[in-house]
């Protein structure tokens, strides 16, 4: 994806998460990935997003791995 598409994805994901923060672990994990792809990762924001993803879906392996990498 190009930067414009990533920015649109970021905006949509943020709106979705704000509307219902407990809706989907995937939204939190994908937003963390999009922020990384944009080259604007905020480590604390990334950790918060991935911690929420783990909280919502504790059985997923990928969100645990990404969170461990962020720590």
PDB file of N, CA and C in Angstrom:
ATOM      1  N   UNK A   1       0.839  -1.178   0.000  1.00  0.00           N
ATOM      2  CA  UNK A   1       0.000   0.000   0.000  1.00  0.00           C
ATOM      3  C   UNK A   1       0.881   1.237   0.000  1.00  0.00           C
ATOM      4  N   UNK A   2       0.402   2.273  -0.649  1.00  0.00           N
ATOM      5  CA  UNK A   2       1.135   3.532  -0.626  1.00  0.00           C
ATOM      6  C   UNK A   2       0.760   4.318   0.629  1.00  0.00           C
ATOM      7  N   UNK A   3       1.435   5.421   0.854  1.00  0.00           N
ATOM      8  CA  UNK A   3       1.232   6.193   2.080  1.00  0.00           C
ATOM      9  C   UNK A   3      -0.196   6.710   2.214  1.00  0.00           C
ATOM     10  N   UNK A   4      -0.804   7.134   1.111  1.00  0.00           N
ATOM     11  CA  UNK A   4      -2.181   7.643   1.163  1.00  0.00           C
ATOM     12  C   UNK A   4      -3.147   6.538   1.600  1.00  0.00           C
ATOM     13  N   UNK A   5      -2.954   5.355   1.070  1.00  0.00           N
ATOM     14  CA  UNK A   5      -3.819   4.225   1.442  1.00  0.00           C
ATOM     15  C   UNK A   5      -3.603   3.840   2.901  1.00  0.00           C
ATOM     16  N   UNK A   6      -2.357   3.841   3.342  1.00  0.00           N
ATOM     17  CA  UNK A   6      -2.068   3.537   4.741  1.00  0.00           C
ATOM     18  C   UNK A   6      -2.700   4.567   5.668  1.00  0.00           C
ATOM     19  N   UNK A   7      -2.654   5.822   5.273  1.00  0.00           N
ATOM     20  CA  UNK A   7      -3.258   6.880   6.095  1.00  0.00           C
ATOM     21  C   UNK A   7      -4.772   6.696   6.192  1.00  0.00           C
ATOM     22  N   UNK A   8      -5.400   6.342   5.074  1.00  0.00           N
ATOM     23  CA  UNK A   8      -6.847   6.070   5.092  1.00  0.00           C
ATOM     24  C   UNK A   8      -7.157   4.888   5.997  1.00  0.00           C
ATOM     25  N   UNK A   9      -6.337   3.836   5.900  1.00  0.00           N
ATOM     26  CA  UNK A   9      -6.532   2.659   6.752  1.00  0.00           C
ATOM     27  C   UNK A   9      -6.384   3.045   8.224  1.00  0.00           C
ATOM     28  N   UNK A  10      -5.364   3.843   8.533  1.00  0.00           N
ATOM     29  CA  UNK A  10      -5.147   4.301   9.908  1.00  0.00           C
ATOM     30  C   UNK A  10      -6.371   5.041  10.433  1.00  0.00           C
ATOM     31  N   UNK A  11      -6.881   5.963   9.645  1.00  0.00           N
ATOM     32  CA  UNK A  11      -8.042   6.749  10.068  1.00  0.00           C
ATOM     33  C   UNK A  11      -9.251   5.862  10.317  1.00  0.00           C
ATOM     34  N   UNK A  12      -9.517   4.931   9.410  1.00  0.00           N
ATOM     35  CA  UNK A  12     -10.665   4.035   9.571  1.00  0.00           C
ATOM     36  C   UNK A  12     -10.518   3.137  10.794  1.00  0.00           C
ATOM     37  N   UNK A  13      -9.320   2.616  11.008  1.00  0.00           N
ATOM     38  CA  UNK A  13      -9.081   1.763  12.175  1.00  0.00           C
ATOM     39  C   UNK A  13      -9.253   2.546  13.467  1.00  0.00           C
ATOM     40  N   UNK A  14      -8.726   3.763  13.509  1.00  0.00           N
ATOM     41  CA  UNK A  14      -8.864   4.585  14.720  1.00  0.00           C
ATOM     42  C   UNK A  14     -10.331   4.900  15.002  1.00  0.00           C
ATOM     43  N   UNK A  15     -11.089   5.211  13.983  1.00  0.00           N
ATOM     44  CA  UNK A  15     -12.520   5.487  14.162  1.00  0.00           C
ATOM     45  C   UNK A  15     -13.236   4.249  14.692  1.00  0.00           C
ATOM     46  N   UNK A  16     -12.914   3.098  14.127  1.00  0.00           N
ATOM     47  CA  UNK A  16     -13.549   1.851  14.560  1.00  0.00           C
ATOM     48  C   UNK A  16     -13.222   1.532  16.009  1.00  0.00           C
ATOM     49  N   UNK A  17     -11.966   1.728  16.379  1.00  0.00           N
ATOM     50  CA  UNK A  17     -11.555   1.443  17.761  1.00  0.00           C
ATOM     51  C   UNK A  17     -12.193   2.427  18.727  1.00  0.00           C
ATOM     52  N   UNK A  18     -12.259   3.696  18.349  1.00  0.00           N
ATOM     53  CA  UNK A  18     -12.897   4.690  19.218  1.00  0.00           C
ATOM     54  C   UNK A  18     -14.379   4.391  19.412  1.00  0.00           C
ATOM     55  N   UNK A  19     -15.030   3.911  18.369  1.00  0.00           N
ATOM     56  CA  UNK A  19     -16.462   3.611  18.451  1.00  0.00           C
ATOM     57  C   UNK A  19     -16.733   2.463  19.413  1.00  0.00           C
ATOM     58  N   UNK A  20     -15.836   1.501  19.452  1.00  0.00           N
ATOM     59  CA  UNK A  20     -16.014   0.370  20.356  1.00  0.00           C
ATOM     60  C   UNK A  20     -14.652  -0.257  20.631  1.00  0.00           C
ATOM     61  N   UNK A  21     -13.973   0.192  21.689  1.00  0.00           N
ATOM     62  CA  UNK A  21     -12.613  -0.262  21.965  1.00  0.00           C
ATOM     63  C   UNK A  21     -12.477  -1.756  22.256  1.00  0.00           C
ATOM     64  N   UNK A  22     -13.575  -2.414  22.575  1.00  0.00           N
ATOM     65  CA  UNK A  22     -13.512  -3.836  22.905  1.00  0.00           C
ATOM     66  C   UNK A  22     -14.035  -4.719  21.777  1.00  0.00           C
ATOM     67  N   UNK A  23     -14.148  -4.152  20.579  1.00  0.00           N
ATOM     68  CA  UNK A  23     -14.790  -4.875  19.491  1.00  0.00           C
ATOM     69  C   UNK A  23     -13.929  -5.952  18.860  1.00  0.00           C
ATOM     70  N   UNK A  24     -12.644  -5.696  18.679  1.00  0.00           N
ATOM     71  CA  UNK A  24     -11.849  -6.634  17.902  1.00  0.00           C
ATOM     72  C   UNK A  24     -10.373  -6.530  18.223  1.00  0.00           C
ATOM     73  N   UNK A  25      -9.795  -7.659  18.562  1.00  0.00           N
ATOM     74  CA  UNK A  25      -8.353  -7.714  18.782  1.00  0.00           C
ATOM     75  C   UNK A  25      -7.613  -7.437  17.488  1.00  0.00           C
ATOM     76  N   UNK A  26      -8.191  -7.873  16.377  1.00  0.00           N
ATOM     77  CA  UNK A  26      -7.542  -7.690  15.080  1.00  0.00           C
ATOM     78  C   UNK A  26      -7.390  -6.211  14.735  1.00  0.00           C
ATOM     79  N   UNK A  27      -8.398  -5.400  15.033  1.00  0.00           N
ATOM     80  CA  UNK A  27      -8.299  -3.967  14.739  1.00  0.00           C
ATOM     81  C   UNK A  27      -7.098  -3.345  15.438  1.00  0.00           C
ATOM     82  N   UNK A  28      -6.887  -3.704  16.688  1.00  0.00           N
ATOM     83  CA  UNK A  28      -5.774  -3.149  17.453  1.00  0.00           C
ATOM     84  C   UNK A  28      -4.436  -3.596  16.864  1.00  0.00           C
ATOM     85  N   UNK A  29      -4.344  -4.866  16.515  1.00  0.00           N
ATOM     86  CA  UNK A  29      -3.096  -5.387  15.972  1.00  0.00           C
ATOM     87  C   UNK A  29      -2.810  -4.801  14.586  1.00  0.00           C
ATOM     88  N   UNK A  30      -3.833  -4.682  13.758  1.00  0.00           N
ATOM     89  CA  UNK A  30      -3.636  -4.128  12.420  1.00  0.00           C
ATOM     90  C   UNK A  30      -3.256  -2.653  12.487  1.00  0.00           C
ATOM     91  N   UNK A  31      -3.857  -1.901  13.400  1.00  0.00           N
ATOM     92  CA  UNK A  31      -3.490  -0.495  13.544  1.00  0.00           C
ATOM     93  C   UNK A  31      -2.014  -0.372  13.926  1.00  0.00           C
ATOM     94  N   UNK A  32      -1.542  -1.219  14.819  1.00  0.00           N
ATOM     95  CA  UNK A  32      -0.124  -1.200  15.186  1.00  0.00           C
ATOM     96  C   UNK A  32       0.745  -1.459  13.952  1.00  0.00           C
ATOM     97  N   UNK A  33       0.332  -2.398  13.106  1.00  0.00           N
ATOM     98  CA  UNK A  33       1.079  -2.696  11.883  1.00  0.00           C
ATOM     99  C   UNK A  33       1.064  -1.515  10.913  1.00  0.00           C
ATOM    100  N   UNK A  34      -0.101  -0.888  10.752  1.00  0.00           N
ATOM    101  CA  UNK A  34      -0.221   0.251   9.842  1.00  0.00           C
ATOM    102  C   UNK A  34       0.671   1.402  10.312  1.00  0.00           C
ATOM    103  N   UNK A  35       0.682   1.660  11.608  1.00  0.00           N
ATOM    104  CA  UNK A  35       1.530   2.721  12.134  1.00  0.00           C
ATOM    105  C   UNK A  35       3.005   2.426  11.864  1.00  0.00           C
ATOM    106  N   UNK A  36       3.387   1.151  12.012  1.00  0.00           N
ATOM    107  CA  UNK A  36       4.761   0.760  11.680  1.00  0.00           C
ATOM    108  C   UNK A  36       5.043   1.006  10.202  1.00  0.00           C
ATOM    109  N   UNK A  37       4.101   0.610   9.351  1.00  0.00           N
ATOM    110  CA  UNK A  37       4.282   0.771   7.907  1.00  0.00           C
ATOM    111  C   UNK A  37       4.365   2.242   7.496  1.00  0.00           C
ATOM    112  N   UNK A  38       3.673   3.091   8.230  1.00  0.00           N
ATOM    113  CA  UNK A  38       3.730   4.528   7.954  1.00  0.00           C
ATOM    114  C   UNK A  38       5.058   5.139   8.403  1.00  0.00           C
ATOM    115  N   UNK A  39       5.805   4.379   9.178  1.00  0.00           N
ATOM    116  CA  UNK A  39       7.071   4.892   9.678  1.00  0.00           C
ATOM    117  C   UNK A  39       6.907   5.879  10.808  1.00  0.00           C
ATOM    118  N   UNK A  40       5.737   5.817  11.456  1.00  0.00           N
ATOM    119  CA  UNK A  40       5.447   6.727  12.565  1.00  0.00           C
ATOM    120  C   UNK A  40       5.089   5.961  13.836  1.00  0.00           C
ATOM    121  N   UNK A  41       5.851   4.900  14.123  1.00  0.00           N
ATOM    122  CA  UNK A  41       5.466   4.135  15.310  1.00  0.00           C
ATOM    123  C   UNK A  41       5.794   4.887  16.593  1.00  0.00           C
ATOM    124  N   UNK A  42       4.857   4.916  17.474  1.00  0.00           N
ATOM    125  CA  UNK A  42       5.057   5.410  18.827  1.00  0.00           C
ATOM    126  C   UNK A  42       5.083   4.157  19.677  1.00  0.00           C
ATOM    127  N   UNK A  43       6.233   3.852  20.258  1.00  0.00           N
ATOM    128  CA  UNK A  43       6.394   2.579  20.954  1.00  0.00           C
ATOM    129  C   UNK A  43       5.342   2.370  22.035  1.00  0.00           C
ATOM    130  N   UNK A  44       5.042   3.393  22.802  1.00  0.00           N
ATOM    131  CA  UNK A  44       4.038   3.233  23.868  1.00  0.00           C
ATOM    132  C   UNK A  44       2.654   2.982  23.286  1.00  0.00           C
ATOM    133  N   UNK A  45       2.314   3.665  22.201  1.00  0.00           N
ATOM    134  CA  UNK A  45       1.024   3.425  21.548  1.00  0.00           C
ATOM    135  C   UNK A  45       0.980   2.013  20.984  1.00  0.00           C
ATOM    136  N   UNK A  46       2.070   1.586  20.376  1.00  0.00           N
ATOM    137  CA  UNK A  46       2.154   0.244  19.821  1.00  0.00           C
ATOM    138  C   UNK A  46       1.935  -0.795  20.921  1.00  0.00           C
ATOM    139  N   UNK A  47       2.583  -0.612  22.048  1.00  0.00           N
ATOM    140  CA  UNK A  47       2.449  -1.548  23.176  1.00  0.00           C
ATOM    141  C   UNK A  47       1.003  -1.545  23.683  1.00  0.00           C
ATOM    142  N   UNK A  48       0.403  -0.373  23.821  1.00  0.00           N
ATOM    143  CA  UNK A  48      -0.998  -0.312  24.294  1.00  0.00           C
ATOM    144  C   UNK A  48      -1.933  -1.051  23.338  1.00  0.00           C
ATOM    145  N   UNK A  49      -1.749  -0.831  22.039  1.00  0.00           N
ATOM    146  CA  UNK A  49      -2.597  -1.504  21.045  1.00  0.00           C
ATOM    147  C   UNK A  49      -2.434  -3.022  21.123  1.00  0.00           C
ATOM    148  N   UNK A  50      -1.199  -3.476  21.225  1.00  0.00           N
ATOM    149  CA  UNK A  50      -0.957  -4.915  21.255  1.00  0.00           C
ATOM    150  C   UNK A  50      -1.381  -5.537  22.587  1.00  0.00           C
ATOM    151  N   UNK A  51      -1.225  -4.805  23.687  1.00  0.00           N
ATOM    152  CA  UNK A  51      -1.720  -5.315  24.975  1.00  0.00           C
ATOM    153  C   UNK A  51      -3.237  -5.486  24.930  1.00  0.00           C
ATOM    154  N   UNK A  52      -3.925  -4.546  24.306  1.00  0.00           N
ATOM    155  CA  UNK A  52      -5.376  -4.652  24.171  1.00  0.00           C
ATOM    156  C   UNK A  52      -5.732  -5.846  23.286  1.00  0.00           C
ATOM    157  N   UNK A  53      -4.987  -6.047  22.225  1.00  0.00           N
ATOM    158  CA  UNK A  53      -5.224  -7.187  21.351  1.00  0.00           C
ATOM    159  C   UNK A  53      -5.071  -8.502  22.123  1.00  0.00           C
ATOM    160  N   UNK A  54      -4.021  -8.590  22.928  1.00  0.00           N
ATOM    161  CA  UNK A  54      -3.804  -9.795  23.744  1.00  0.00           C
ATOM    162  C   UNK A  54      -4.930  -9.966  24.762  1.00  0.00           C
ATOM    163  N   UNK A  55      -5.368  -8.867  25.354  1.00  0.00           N
ATOM    164  CA  UNK A  55      -6.465  -8.937  26.331  1.00  0.00           C
ATOM    165  C   UNK A  55      -7.739  -9.475  25.677  1.00  0.00           C
ATOM    166  N   UNK A  56      -8.025  -8.996  24.475  1.00  0.00           N
ATOM    167  CA  UNK A  56      -9.260  -9.397  23.793  1.00  0.00           C
ATOM    168  C   UNK A  56      -9.194 -10.811  23.207  1.00  0.00           C
ATOM    169  N   UNK A  57      -8.006 -11.224  22.780  1.00  0.00           N
ATOM    170  CA  UNK A  57      -7.834 -12.557  22.185  1.00  0.00           C
ATOM    171  C   UNK A  57      -6.569 -13.203  22.747  1.00  0.00           C
ATOM    172  N   UNK A  58      -6.644 -13.687  23.994  1.00  0.00           N
ATOM    173  CA  UNK A  58      -5.446 -14.223  24.652  1.00  0.00           C
ATOM    174  C   UNK A  58      -4.907 -15.519  24.031  1.00  0.00           C
ATOM    175  N   UNK A  59      -5.676 -16.160  23.183  1.00  0.00           N
ATOM    176  CA  UNK A  59      -5.215 -17.417  22.584  1.00  0.00           C
ATOM    177  C   UNK A  59      -4.463 -17.234  21.275  1.00  0.00           C
ATOM    178  N   UNK A  60      -4.442 -16.018  20.744  1.00  0.00           N
ATOM    179  CA  UNK A  60      -3.716 -15.766  19.499  1.00  0.00           C
ATOM    180  C   UNK A  60      -2.221 -15.750  19.768  1.00  0.00           C
ATOM    181  N   UNK A  61      -1.480 -16.388  18.917  1.00  0.00           N
ATOM    182  CA  UNK A  61      -0.025 -16.410  19.069  1.00  0.00           C
ATOM    183  C   UNK A  61       0.602 -15.153  18.479  1.00  0.00           C
ATOM    184  N   UNK A  62       0.126 -14.719  17.323  1.00  0.00           N
ATOM    185  CA  UNK A  62       0.752 -13.606  16.628  1.00  0.00           C
ATOM    186  C   UNK A  62       0.728 -12.310  17.433  1.00  0.00           C
ATOM    187  N   UNK A  63      -0.386 -12.035  18.122  1.00  0.00           N
ATOM    188  CA  UNK A  63      -0.415 -10.789  18.896  1.00  0.00           C
ATOM    189  C   UNK A  63       0.567 -10.855  20.079  1.00  0.00           C
ATOM    190  N   UNK A  64       0.743 -12.043  20.651  1.00  0.00           N
ATOM    191  CA  UNK A  64       1.725 -12.208  21.733  1.00  0.00           C
ATOM    192  C   UNK A  64       3.148 -11.988  21.205  1.00  0.00           C
ATOM    193  N   UNK A  65       3.430 -12.539  20.032  1.00  0.00           N
ATOM    194  CA  UNK A  65       4.762 -12.378  19.446  1.00  0.00           C
ATOM    195  C   UNK A  65       5.059 -10.912  19.134  1.00  0.00           C
ATOM    196  N   UNK A  66       4.088 -10.226  18.539  1.00  0.00           N
ATOM    197  CA  UNK A  66       4.290  -8.808  18.211  1.00  0.00           C
ATOM    198  C   UNK A  66       4.475  -7.975  19.484  1.00  0.00           C
ATOM    199  N   UNK A  67       3.695  -8.313  20.531  1.00  0.00           N
ATOM    200  CA  UNK A  67       3.837  -7.586  21.790  1.00  0.00           C
ATOM    201  C   UNK A  67       5.205  -7.846  22.412  1.00  0.00           C
ATOM    202  N   UNK A  68       5.643  -9.078  22.415  1.00  0.00           N
ATOM    203  CA  UNK A  68       6.970  -9.411  22.953  1.00  0.00           C
ATOM    204  C   UNK A  68       8.059  -8.657  22.209  1.00  0.00           C
ATOM    205  N   UNK A  69       7.924  -8.581  20.883  1.00  0.00           N
ATOM    206  CA  UNK A  69       8.898  -7.849  20.077  1.00  0.00           C
ATOM    207  C   UNK A  69       8.886  -6.353  20.442  1.00  0.00           C
ATOM    208  N   UNK A  70       7.712  -5.813  20.697  1.00  0.00           N
ATOM    209  CA  UNK A  70       7.607  -4.397  21.064  1.00  0.00           C
ATOM    210  C   UNK A  70       8.220  -4.106  22.425  1.00  0.00           C
ATOM    211  N   UNK A  71       8.051  -5.064  23.347  1.00  0.00           N
ATOM    212  CA  UNK A  71       8.661  -4.873  24.676  1.00  0.00           C
ATOM    213  C   UNK A  71      10.174  -4.835  24.538  1.00  0.00           C
TER     214      UNK A  71
END
